[in-house]
Amino acid sequence: MVVLHWLTLFCVVSGVVLILLRDEVAGRVMRQWLLDGHRHFGVLVLLLFVARVALRTRSGKLPAAGNPSRFTRIAAALVHAALYVLLLALPLLGWALNDALGKPAHLLGVALPTLVGADEDLADALLAWHQDAAWLLLGLVLLHAAAALWHHFVLRDGVLRTMLPKPRR
């Protein structure tokens, strides 16, 4: 799970960086390359989500570190559930957006199945939803990171250490 966690973060951050850079550069070819990279990372997030859910289903829920309060357990569960929903919704919204724009989604040159037909009005709505979901994901990721730092520096309960890669011996 630790590897999937950090790979997912890498893909999300990479996708965000590429799409933000796209707005700052000139040149049609470079802008398209950045958009294609953003799309590839989005599909990778979707694949990592599927792997994560499969692994979680197979291995069960991770045990809580320490002795968290009821409020903390509920808050953590709600944030994790929202993160999972967004990690599924964002790539699917982006994929559907591509289709609505009449530009089929690809992964490494392979065309993905069409989710919706070309429709300019639908594309406008999907773009707004995709952007809103992205901002919501950013807020939840920041909250998630702040909670991890709170556990590490204030509570000193070892929660953050459980999600860091283990040193090689």
N, C-alpha and C. Protein backbone atom coordinates (compact mmCIF):
# COMPACT_ATOMS: atom_id res chain seq x y z
N MET A 1 0.82 -1.20 0.00
CA MET A 1 0.00 0.00 0.00
C MET A 1 0.86 1.26 0.00
N VAL A 2 1.99 1.20 0.67
CA VAL A 2 2.86 2.37 0.75
C VAL A 2 3.33 2.79 -0.64
N VAL A 3 3.74 1.82 -1.44
CA VAL A 3 4.22 2.12 -2.79
C VAL A 3 3.09 2.73 -3.63
N LEU A 4 1.89 2.15 -3.54
CA LEU A 4 0.75 2.69 -4.29
C LEU A 4 0.42 4.11 -3.84
N HIS A 5 0.52 4.36 -2.55
CA HIS A 5 0.26 5.70 -2.01
C HIS A 5 1.17 6.73 -2.66
N TRP A 6 2.48 6.45 -2.65
CA TRP A 6 3.44 7.42 -3.16
C TRP A 6 3.43 7.50 -4.68
N LEU A 7 3.17 6.39 -5.36
CA LEU A 7 3.02 6.43 -6.82
C LEU A 7 1.81 7.27 -7.22
N THR A 8 0.72 7.11 -6.47
CA THR A 8 -0.48 7.90 -6.74
C THR A 8 -0.19 9.38 -6.53
N LEU A 9 0.47 9.72 -5.44
CA LEU A 9 0.82 11.11 -5.20
C LEU A 9 1.70 11.65 -6.32
N PHE A 10 2.70 10.87 -6.73
CA PHE A 10 3.58 11.29 -7.82
C PHE A 10 2.78 11.57 -9.10
N CYS A 11 1.86 10.68 -9.43
CA CYS A 11 1.07 10.85 -10.66
C CYS A 11 0.13 12.05 -10.56
N VAL A 12 -0.50 12.24 -9.40
CA VAL A 12 -1.39 13.38 -9.22
C VAL A 12 -0.61 14.68 -9.33
N VAL A 13 0.51 14.78 -8.61
CA VAL A 13 1.32 16.00 -8.64
C VAL A 13 1.85 16.25 -10.05
N SER A 14 2.31 15.20 -10.71
CA SER A 14 2.83 15.35 -12.07
C SER A 14 1.75 15.86 -13.02
N GLY A 15 0.55 15.30 -12.91
CA GLY A 15 -0.56 15.75 -13.75
C GLY A 15 -0.90 17.20 -13.50
N VAL A 16 -0.90 17.61 -12.24
CA VAL A 16 -1.19 19.01 -11.90
C VAL A 16 -0.11 19.93 -12.44
N VAL A 17 1.15 19.56 -12.24
CA VAL A 17 2.26 20.40 -12.73
C VAL A 17 2.17 20.56 -14.24
N LEU A 18 1.93 19.48 -14.95
CA LEU A 18 1.87 19.55 -16.41
C LEU A 18 0.73 20.46 -16.89
N ILE A 19 -0.44 20.35 -16.28
CA ILE A 19 -1.56 21.15 -16.75
C ILE A 19 -1.38 22.62 -16.37
N LEU A 20 -0.74 22.89 -15.24
CA LEU A 20 -0.47 24.29 -14.87
C LEU A 20 0.62 24.89 -15.76
N LEU A 21 1.63 24.10 -16.10
CA LEU A 21 2.67 24.57 -17.01
C LEU A 21 2.10 24.88 -18.39
N ARG A 22 1.12 24.10 -18.80
CA ARG A 22 0.51 24.28 -20.12
C ARG A 22 -0.02 25.70 -20.29
N ASP A 23 -0.57 26.26 -19.24
CA ASP A 23 -1.11 27.62 -19.31
C ASP A 23 -0.01 28.67 -19.39
N GLU A 24 1.22 28.29 -19.10
CA GLU A 24 2.31 29.26 -19.05
C GLU A 24 3.22 29.23 -20.27
N VAL A 25 3.05 28.26 -21.16
CA VAL A 25 3.96 28.14 -22.29
C VAL A 25 3.26 28.52 -23.59
N ALA A 26 4.08 28.95 -24.53
CA ALA A 26 3.58 29.25 -25.87
C ALA A 26 3.93 28.07 -26.77
N GLY A 27 3.28 28.01 -27.88
CA GLY A 27 3.60 26.96 -28.84
C GLY A 27 2.61 25.82 -28.76
N ARG A 28 1.94 25.58 -29.85
CA ARG A 28 0.90 24.57 -29.91
C ARG A 28 1.43 23.17 -29.60
N VAL A 29 2.60 22.84 -30.13
CA VAL A 29 3.15 21.50 -29.94
C VAL A 29 3.48 21.25 -28.46
N MET A 30 4.13 22.22 -27.82
CA MET A 30 4.48 22.06 -26.40
C MET A 30 3.23 22.00 -25.53
N ARG A 31 2.24 22.83 -25.83
CA ARG A 31 1.00 22.81 -25.06
C ARG A 31 0.29 21.46 -25.20
N GLN A 32 0.30 20.91 -26.42
CA GLN A 32 -0.33 19.60 -26.64
C GLN A 32 0.43 18.50 -25.92
N TRP A 33 1.76 18.58 -25.93
CA TRP A 33 2.59 17.59 -25.24
C TRP A 33 2.29 17.60 -23.74
N LEU A 34 2.17 18.79 -23.16
CA LEU A 34 1.87 18.90 -21.73
C LEU A 34 0.47 18.36 -21.43
N LEU A 35 -0.49 18.65 -22.30
CA LEU A 35 -1.85 18.13 -22.11
C LEU A 35 -1.87 16.61 -22.22
N ASP A 36 -1.14 16.07 -23.20
CA ASP A 36 -1.07 14.61 -23.34
C ASP A 36 -0.44 13.98 -22.10
N GLY A 37 0.60 14.60 -21.56
CA GLY A 37 1.22 14.10 -20.33
C GLY A 37 0.24 14.12 -19.17
N HIS A 38 -0.51 15.21 -19.05
CA HIS A 38 -1.54 15.33 -18.02
C HIS A 38 -2.55 14.19 -18.14
N ARG A 39 -2.97 13.93 -19.36
CA ARG A 39 -3.94 12.86 -19.60
C ARG A 39 -3.36 11.49 -19.26
N HIS A 40 -2.11 11.25 -19.62
CA HIS A 40 -1.48 9.96 -19.30
C HIS A 40 -1.39 9.76 -17.79
N PHE A 41 -0.99 10.79 -17.07
CA PHE A 41 -0.92 10.66 -15.61
C PHE A 41 -2.31 10.43 -15.02
N GLY A 42 -3.34 11.04 -15.62
CA GLY A 42 -4.70 10.80 -15.16
C GLY A 42 -5.11 9.34 -15.31
N VAL A 43 -4.79 8.75 -16.46
CA VAL A 43 -5.11 7.33 -16.67
C VAL A 43 -4.31 6.46 -15.70
N LEU A 44 -3.06 6.84 -15.44
CA LEU A 44 -2.26 6.09 -14.47
C LEU A 44 -2.86 6.17 -13.07
N VAL A 45 -3.39 7.34 -12.70
CA VAL A 45 -4.07 7.48 -11.40
C VAL A 45 -5.25 6.52 -11.34
N LEU A 46 -6.00 6.41 -12.43
CA LEU A 46 -7.13 5.49 -12.47
C LEU A 46 -6.67 4.04 -12.31
N LEU A 47 -5.60 3.66 -13.01
CA LEU A 47 -5.07 2.30 -12.88
C LEU A 47 -4.56 2.03 -11.47
N LEU A 48 -3.88 3.00 -10.88
CA LEU A 48 -3.41 2.85 -9.50
C LEU A 48 -4.58 2.75 -8.52
N PHE A 49 -5.65 3.49 -8.80
CA PHE A 49 -6.85 3.40 -7.97
C PHE A 49 -7.41 1.98 -7.99
N VAL A 50 -7.51 1.40 -9.19
CA VAL A 50 -8.02 0.03 -9.32
C VAL A 50 -7.13 -0.94 -8.55
N ALA A 51 -5.81 -0.79 -8.69
CA ALA A 51 -4.88 -1.66 -7.96
C ALA A 51 -5.03 -1.48 -6.46
N ARG A 52 -5.18 -0.25 -6.02
CA ARG A 52 -5.32 0.05 -4.59
C ARG A 52 -6.59 -0.57 -4.02
N VAL A 53 -7.70 -0.42 -4.73
CA VAL A 53 -8.96 -0.99 -4.26
C VAL A 53 -8.89 -2.51 -4.24
N ALA A 54 -8.28 -3.09 -5.27
CA ALA A 54 -8.14 -4.55 -5.30
C ALA A 54 -7.29 -5.04 -4.13
N LEU A 55 -6.20 -4.36 -3.86
CA LEU A 55 -5.33 -4.74 -2.75
C LEU A 55 -6.03 -4.54 -1.41
N ARG A 56 -6.72 -3.43 -1.26
CA ARG A 56 -7.44 -3.15 -0.01
C ARG A 56 -8.55 -4.18 0.20
N THR A 57 -9.24 -4.56 -0.86
CA THR A 57 -10.30 -5.56 -0.76
C THR A 57 -9.73 -6.91 -0.34
N ARG A 58 -8.58 -7.23 -0.90
CA ARG A 58 -7.94 -8.52 -0.61
C ARG A 58 -7.34 -8.57 0.79
N SER A 59 -6.68 -7.49 1.20
CA SER A 59 -5.95 -7.52 2.47
C SER A 59 -6.72 -6.91 3.63
N GLY A 60 -7.82 -6.25 3.36
CA GLY A 60 -8.61 -5.66 4.44
C GLY A 60 -8.13 -4.29 4.84
N LYS A 61 -8.84 -3.73 5.80
CA LYS A 61 -8.56 -2.39 6.28
C LYS A 61 -7.27 -2.38 7.09
N LEU A 62 -6.49 -1.32 6.92
CA LEU A 62 -5.26 -1.18 7.69
C LEU A 62 -5.61 -0.85 9.14
N PRO A 63 -4.88 -1.41 10.09
CA PRO A 63 -5.16 -1.10 11.49
C PRO A 63 -4.76 0.34 11.82
N ALA A 64 -5.53 0.95 12.70
CA ALA A 64 -5.22 2.32 13.13
C ALA A 64 -3.99 2.29 14.03
N ALA A 65 -3.10 3.24 13.80
CA ALA A 65 -1.90 3.35 14.65
C ALA A 65 -2.29 4.07 15.94
N GLY A 66 -1.75 3.61 17.03
CA GLY A 66 -2.03 4.25 18.32
C GLY A 66 -3.45 3.97 18.76
N ASN A 67 -4.01 4.92 19.49
CA ASN A 67 -5.37 4.80 20.01
C ASN A 67 -6.13 6.07 19.67
N PRO A 68 -6.55 6.23 18.40
CA PRO A 68 -7.21 7.47 18.00
C PRO A 68 -8.59 7.61 18.64
N SER A 69 -8.99 8.86 18.85
CA SER A 69 -10.32 9.13 19.40
C SER A 69 -11.38 8.79 18.35
N ARG A 70 -12.61 8.71 18.80
CA ARG A 70 -13.72 8.41 17.87
C ARG A 70 -13.79 9.48 16.79
N PHE A 71 -13.67 10.75 17.18
CA PHE A 71 -13.70 11.85 16.21
C PHE A 71 -12.59 11.69 15.17
N THR A 72 -11.39 11.36 15.62
CA THR A 72 -10.26 11.21 14.70
C THR A 72 -10.49 10.05 13.74
N ARG A 73 -11.02 8.95 14.24
CA ARG A 73 -11.31 7.79 13.37
C ARG A 73 -12.35 8.15 12.31
N ILE A 74 -13.40 8.86 12.73
CA ILE A 74 -14.46 9.25 11.79
C ILE A 74 -13.92 10.25 10.77
N ALA A 75 -13.18 11.25 11.25
CA ALA A 75 -12.62 12.26 10.34
C ALA A 75 -11.68 11.61 9.33
N ALA A 76 -10.82 10.72 9.80
CA ALA A 76 -9.89 10.03 8.89
C ALA A 76 -10.65 9.19 7.88
N ALA A 77 -11.68 8.49 8.32
CA ALA A 77 -12.46 7.66 7.40
C ALA A 77 -13.16 8.51 6.35
N LEU A 78 -13.71 9.65 6.75
CA LEU A 78 -14.39 10.52 5.80
C LEU A 78 -13.42 11.12 4.78
N VAL A 79 -12.26 11.56 5.26
CA VAL A 79 -11.26 12.13 4.34
C VAL A 79 -10.76 11.06 3.38
N HIS A 80 -10.47 9.87 3.90
CA HIS A 80 -10.00 8.79 3.02
C HIS A 80 -11.07 8.41 2.00
N ALA A 81 -12.32 8.34 2.42
CA ALA A 81 -13.41 8.01 1.48
C ALA A 81 -13.51 9.08 0.40
N ALA A 82 -13.43 10.34 0.80
CA ALA A 82 -13.50 11.43 -0.18
C ALA A 82 -12.31 11.39 -1.13
N LEU A 83 -11.12 11.09 -0.61
CA LEU A 83 -9.94 10.96 -1.48
C LEU A 83 -10.15 9.84 -2.50
N TYR A 84 -10.66 8.71 -2.05
CA TYR A 84 -10.90 7.59 -2.96
C TYR A 84 -11.92 7.97 -4.03
N VAL A 85 -13.01 8.62 -3.63
CA VAL A 85 -14.03 9.03 -4.61
C VAL A 85 -13.41 9.96 -5.65
N LEU A 86 -12.61 10.91 -5.20
CA LEU A 86 -12.00 11.87 -6.14
C LEU A 86 -10.93 11.22 -7.01
N LEU A 87 -10.19 10.26 -6.46
CA LEU A 87 -9.17 9.57 -7.27
C LEU A 87 -9.81 8.71 -8.35
N LEU A 88 -11.06 8.35 -8.17
CA LEU A 88 -11.81 7.66 -9.22
C LEU A 88 -12.50 8.67 -10.14
N ALA A 89 -13.15 9.67 -9.54
CA ALA A 89 -13.96 10.61 -10.33
C ALA A 89 -13.12 11.48 -11.26
N LEU A 90 -12.00 12.00 -10.77
CA LEU A 90 -11.20 12.92 -11.60
C LEU A 90 -10.74 12.30 -12.91
N PRO A 91 -10.12 11.13 -12.89
CA PRO A 91 -9.72 10.53 -14.17
C PRO A 91 -10.91 10.21 -15.08
N LEU A 92 -12.02 9.74 -14.48
CA LEU A 92 -13.19 9.43 -15.30
C LEU A 92 -13.79 10.69 -15.91
N LEU A 93 -13.81 11.78 -15.14
CA LEU A 93 -14.30 13.05 -15.69
C LEU A 93 -13.39 13.53 -16.82
N GLY A 94 -12.08 13.40 -16.63
CA GLY A 94 -11.15 13.80 -17.68
C GLY A 94 -11.30 12.95 -18.93
N TRP A 95 -11.47 11.67 -18.74
CA TRP A 95 -11.66 10.74 -19.86
C TRP A 95 -12.94 11.10 -20.63
N ALA A 96 -14.04 11.30 -19.87
CA ALA A 96 -15.30 11.68 -20.50
C ALA A 96 -15.18 13.04 -21.19
N LEU A 97 -14.43 13.95 -20.59
CA LEU A 97 -14.20 15.27 -21.20
C LEU A 97 -13.51 15.12 -22.55
N ASN A 98 -12.48 14.29 -22.62
CA ASN A 98 -11.82 14.03 -23.91
C ASN A 98 -12.83 13.56 -24.94
N ASP A 99 -13.65 12.60 -24.54
CA ASP A 99 -14.65 12.06 -25.47
C ASP A 99 -15.64 13.13 -25.91
N ALA A 100 -16.11 13.94 -24.95
CA ALA A 100 -17.08 14.99 -25.28
C ALA A 100 -16.47 16.04 -26.21
N LEU A 101 -15.16 16.21 -26.14
CA LEU A 101 -14.47 17.13 -27.05
C LEU A 101 -14.20 16.49 -28.41
N GLY A 102 -14.53 15.21 -28.54
CA GLY A 102 -14.28 14.50 -29.79
C GLY A 102 -12.84 14.06 -29.95
N LYS A 103 -12.12 13.96 -28.82
CA LYS A 103 -10.71 13.55 -28.84
C LYS A 103 -10.56 12.33 -27.94
N PRO A 104 -10.61 11.14 -28.50
CA PRO A 104 -10.56 9.92 -27.67
C PRO A 104 -9.33 9.88 -26.77
N ALA A 105 -9.53 9.33 -25.59
CA ALA A 105 -8.43 9.19 -24.62
C ALA A 105 -7.52 8.05 -25.06
N HIS A 106 -6.23 8.20 -24.76
CA HIS A 106 -5.23 7.18 -25.09
C HIS A 106 -4.35 6.92 -23.88
N LEU A 107 -3.80 5.73 -23.84
CA LEU A 107 -2.75 5.41 -22.88
C LEU A 107 -1.65 4.72 -23.65
N LEU A 108 -0.51 5.38 -23.70
CA LEU A 108 0.66 4.85 -24.41
C LEU A 108 0.32 4.46 -25.85
N GLY A 109 -0.46 5.31 -26.50
CA GLY A 109 -0.79 5.10 -27.90
C GLY A 109 -1.99 4.21 -28.16
N VAL A 110 -2.54 3.61 -27.12
CA VAL A 110 -3.70 2.73 -27.27
C VAL A 110 -4.96 3.52 -26.96
N ALA A 111 -5.90 3.55 -27.91
CA ALA A 111 -7.16 4.27 -27.71
C ALA A 111 -8.00 3.55 -26.65
N LEU A 112 -8.55 4.33 -25.74
CA LEU A 112 -9.41 3.78 -24.69
C LEU A 112 -10.86 3.82 -25.18
N PRO A 113 -11.73 2.98 -24.63
CA PRO A 113 -13.13 2.98 -25.05
C PRO A 113 -13.78 4.35 -24.83
N THR A 114 -14.75 4.67 -25.65
CA THR A 114 -15.46 5.94 -25.55
C THR A 114 -16.50 5.85 -24.44
N LEU A 115 -16.50 6.84 -23.54
CA LEU A 115 -17.48 6.87 -22.46
C LEU A 115 -18.73 7.66 -22.84
N VAL A 116 -18.53 8.76 -23.60
CA VAL A 116 -19.65 9.62 -24.03
C VAL A 116 -19.39 10.08 -25.45
N GLY A 117 -20.44 10.49 -26.12
CA GLY A 117 -20.30 11.01 -27.47
C GLY A 117 -19.85 12.46 -27.45
N ALA A 118 -19.39 12.93 -28.60
CA ALA A 118 -18.96 14.33 -28.72
C ALA A 118 -20.16 15.25 -28.48
N ASP A 119 -19.97 16.23 -27.58
CA ASP A 119 -21.05 17.15 -27.21
C ASP A 119 -20.40 18.36 -26.54
N GLU A 120 -20.48 19.50 -27.20
CA GLU A 120 -19.81 20.71 -26.71
C GLU A 120 -20.34 21.16 -25.35
N ASP A 121 -21.66 21.12 -25.17
CA ASP A 121 -22.24 21.53 -23.89
C ASP A 121 -21.83 20.59 -22.76
N LEU A 122 -21.84 19.30 -23.06
CA LEU A 122 -21.39 18.32 -22.06
C LEU A 122 -19.92 18.54 -21.73
N ALA A 123 -19.12 18.85 -22.75
CA ALA A 123 -17.69 19.11 -22.52
C ALA A 123 -17.49 20.28 -21.58
N ASP A 124 -18.29 21.34 -21.75
CA ASP A 124 -18.19 22.50 -20.85
C ASP A 124 -18.50 22.10 -19.41
N ALA A 125 -19.55 21.31 -19.23
CA ALA A 125 -19.93 20.87 -17.88
C ALA A 125 -18.86 19.96 -17.29
N LEU A 126 -18.36 19.02 -18.09
CA LEU A 126 -17.33 18.10 -17.61
C LEU A 126 -16.05 18.83 -17.24
N LEU A 127 -15.68 19.84 -18.01
CA LEU A 127 -14.49 20.63 -17.68
C LEU A 127 -14.67 21.32 -16.33
N ALA A 128 -15.83 21.92 -16.11
CA ALA A 128 -16.09 22.58 -14.83
C ALA A 128 -16.04 21.58 -13.68
N TRP A 129 -16.65 20.42 -13.86
CA TRP A 129 -16.65 19.39 -12.81
C TRP A 129 -15.24 18.88 -12.55
N HIS A 130 -14.48 18.67 -13.63
CA HIS A 130 -13.11 18.18 -13.50
C HIS A 130 -12.26 19.19 -12.71
N GLN A 131 -12.40 20.47 -13.05
CA GLN A 131 -11.63 21.50 -12.36
C GLN A 131 -12.07 21.63 -10.90
N ASP A 132 -13.36 21.62 -10.65
CA ASP A 132 -13.85 21.71 -9.26
C ASP A 132 -13.38 20.52 -8.44
N ALA A 133 -13.45 19.33 -9.02
CA ALA A 133 -12.99 18.13 -8.32
C ALA A 133 -11.49 18.20 -8.05
N ALA A 134 -10.74 18.78 -8.99
CA ALA A 134 -9.29 18.91 -8.80
C ALA A 134 -8.98 19.82 -7.62
N TRP A 135 -9.69 20.93 -7.51
CA TRP A 135 -9.46 21.83 -6.37
C TRP A 135 -9.87 21.17 -5.06
N LEU A 136 -10.94 20.42 -5.09
CA LEU A 136 -11.37 19.69 -3.89
C LEU A 136 -10.32 18.65 -3.50
N LEU A 137 -9.79 17.94 -4.49
CA LEU A 137 -8.73 16.96 -4.22
C LEU A 137 -7.51 17.65 -3.61
N LEU A 138 -7.13 18.79 -4.16
CA LEU A 138 -5.99 19.53 -3.61
C LEU A 138 -6.23 19.88 -2.14
N GLY A 139 -7.42 20.37 -1.82
CA GLY A 139 -7.73 20.71 -0.44
C GLY A 139 -7.66 19.50 0.48
N LEU A 140 -8.19 18.37 0.02
CA LEU A 140 -8.15 17.16 0.84
C LEU A 140 -6.74 16.61 1.00
N VAL A 141 -5.93 16.71 -0.06
CA VAL A 141 -4.54 16.27 0.04
C VAL A 141 -3.79 17.13 1.06
N LEU A 142 -4.03 18.43 1.04
CA LEU A 142 -3.38 19.32 2.02
C LEU A 142 -3.85 18.99 3.43
N LEU A 143 -5.14 18.73 3.61
CA LEU A 143 -5.66 18.34 4.92
C LEU A 143 -5.04 17.02 5.37
N HIS A 144 -4.95 16.07 4.45
CA HIS A 144 -4.35 14.76 4.72
C HIS A 144 -2.88 14.92 5.15
N ALA A 145 -2.14 15.75 4.42
CA ALA A 145 -0.72 15.99 4.75
C ALA A 145 -0.60 16.70 6.10
N ALA A 146 -1.47 17.68 6.34
CA ALA A 146 -1.44 18.39 7.63
C ALA A 146 -1.71 17.43 8.78
N ALA A 147 -2.65 16.52 8.59
CA ALA A 147 -2.95 15.54 9.64
C ALA A 147 -1.76 14.63 9.88
N ALA A 148 -1.08 14.21 8.80
CA ALA A 148 0.11 13.37 8.96
C ALA A 148 1.20 14.11 9.73
N LEU A 149 1.39 15.38 9.42
CA LEU A 149 2.40 16.18 10.13
C LEU A 149 1.99 16.40 11.59
N TRP A 150 0.71 16.59 11.83
CA TRP A 150 0.19 16.73 13.21
C TRP A 150 0.50 15.46 14.01
N HIS A 151 0.23 14.32 13.40
CA HIS A 151 0.52 13.05 14.07
C HIS A 151 2.02 12.91 14.36
N HIS A 152 2.84 13.33 13.41
CA HIS A 152 4.28 13.15 13.54
C HIS A 152 4.90 14.11 14.56
N PHE A 153 4.57 15.39 14.44
CA PHE A 153 5.26 16.39 15.26
C PHE A 153 4.56 16.72 16.57
N VAL A 154 3.23 16.59 16.62
CA VAL A 154 2.50 16.95 17.84
C VAL A 154 2.17 15.69 18.66
N LEU A 155 1.50 14.75 18.04
CA LEU A 155 1.11 13.54 18.77
C LEU A 155 2.26 12.54 18.92
N ARG A 156 3.20 12.59 17.99
CA ARG A 156 4.37 11.69 18.00
C ARG A 156 3.95 10.23 18.15
N ASP A 157 2.97 9.84 17.33
CA ASP A 157 2.43 8.49 17.46
C ASP A 157 2.89 7.51 16.37
N GLY A 158 3.78 7.94 15.50
CA GLY A 158 4.35 7.04 14.50
C GLY A 158 3.49 6.80 13.27
N VAL A 159 2.37 7.51 13.14
CA VAL A 159 1.50 7.30 11.98
C VAL A 159 2.24 7.62 10.68
N LEU A 160 2.95 8.73 10.64
CA LEU A 160 3.66 9.11 9.41
C LEU A 160 4.71 8.07 9.05
N ARG A 161 5.40 7.54 10.04
CA ARG A 161 6.45 6.54 9.77
C ARG A 161 5.90 5.29 9.09
N THR A 162 4.64 4.96 9.36
CA THR A 162 4.05 3.76 8.73
C THR A 162 3.85 3.95 7.23
N MET A 163 3.82 5.19 6.76
CA MET A 163 3.60 5.45 5.34
C MET A 163 4.88 5.85 4.61
N LEU A 164 5.98 5.89 5.30
CA LEU A 164 7.25 6.20 4.65
C LEU A 164 7.90 4.91 4.16
N PRO A 165 8.62 4.99 3.04
CA PRO A 165 9.31 3.78 2.56
C PRO A 165 10.27 3.27 3.63
N LYS A 166 10.32 1.97 3.76
CA LYS A 166 11.22 1.36 4.74
C LYS A 166 12.65 1.41 4.21
N PRO A 167 13.62 1.75 5.08
CA PRO A 167 15.01 1.78 4.62
C PRO A 167 15.50 0.38 4.27
N ARG A 168 16.35 0.30 3.25
CA ARG A 168 16.93 -1.00 2.87
C ARG A 168 18.02 -1.38 3.84
N ARG A 169 18.12 -2.67 4.11
CA ARG A 169 19.14 -3.13 5.07
C ARG A 169 20.25 -3.81 4.36
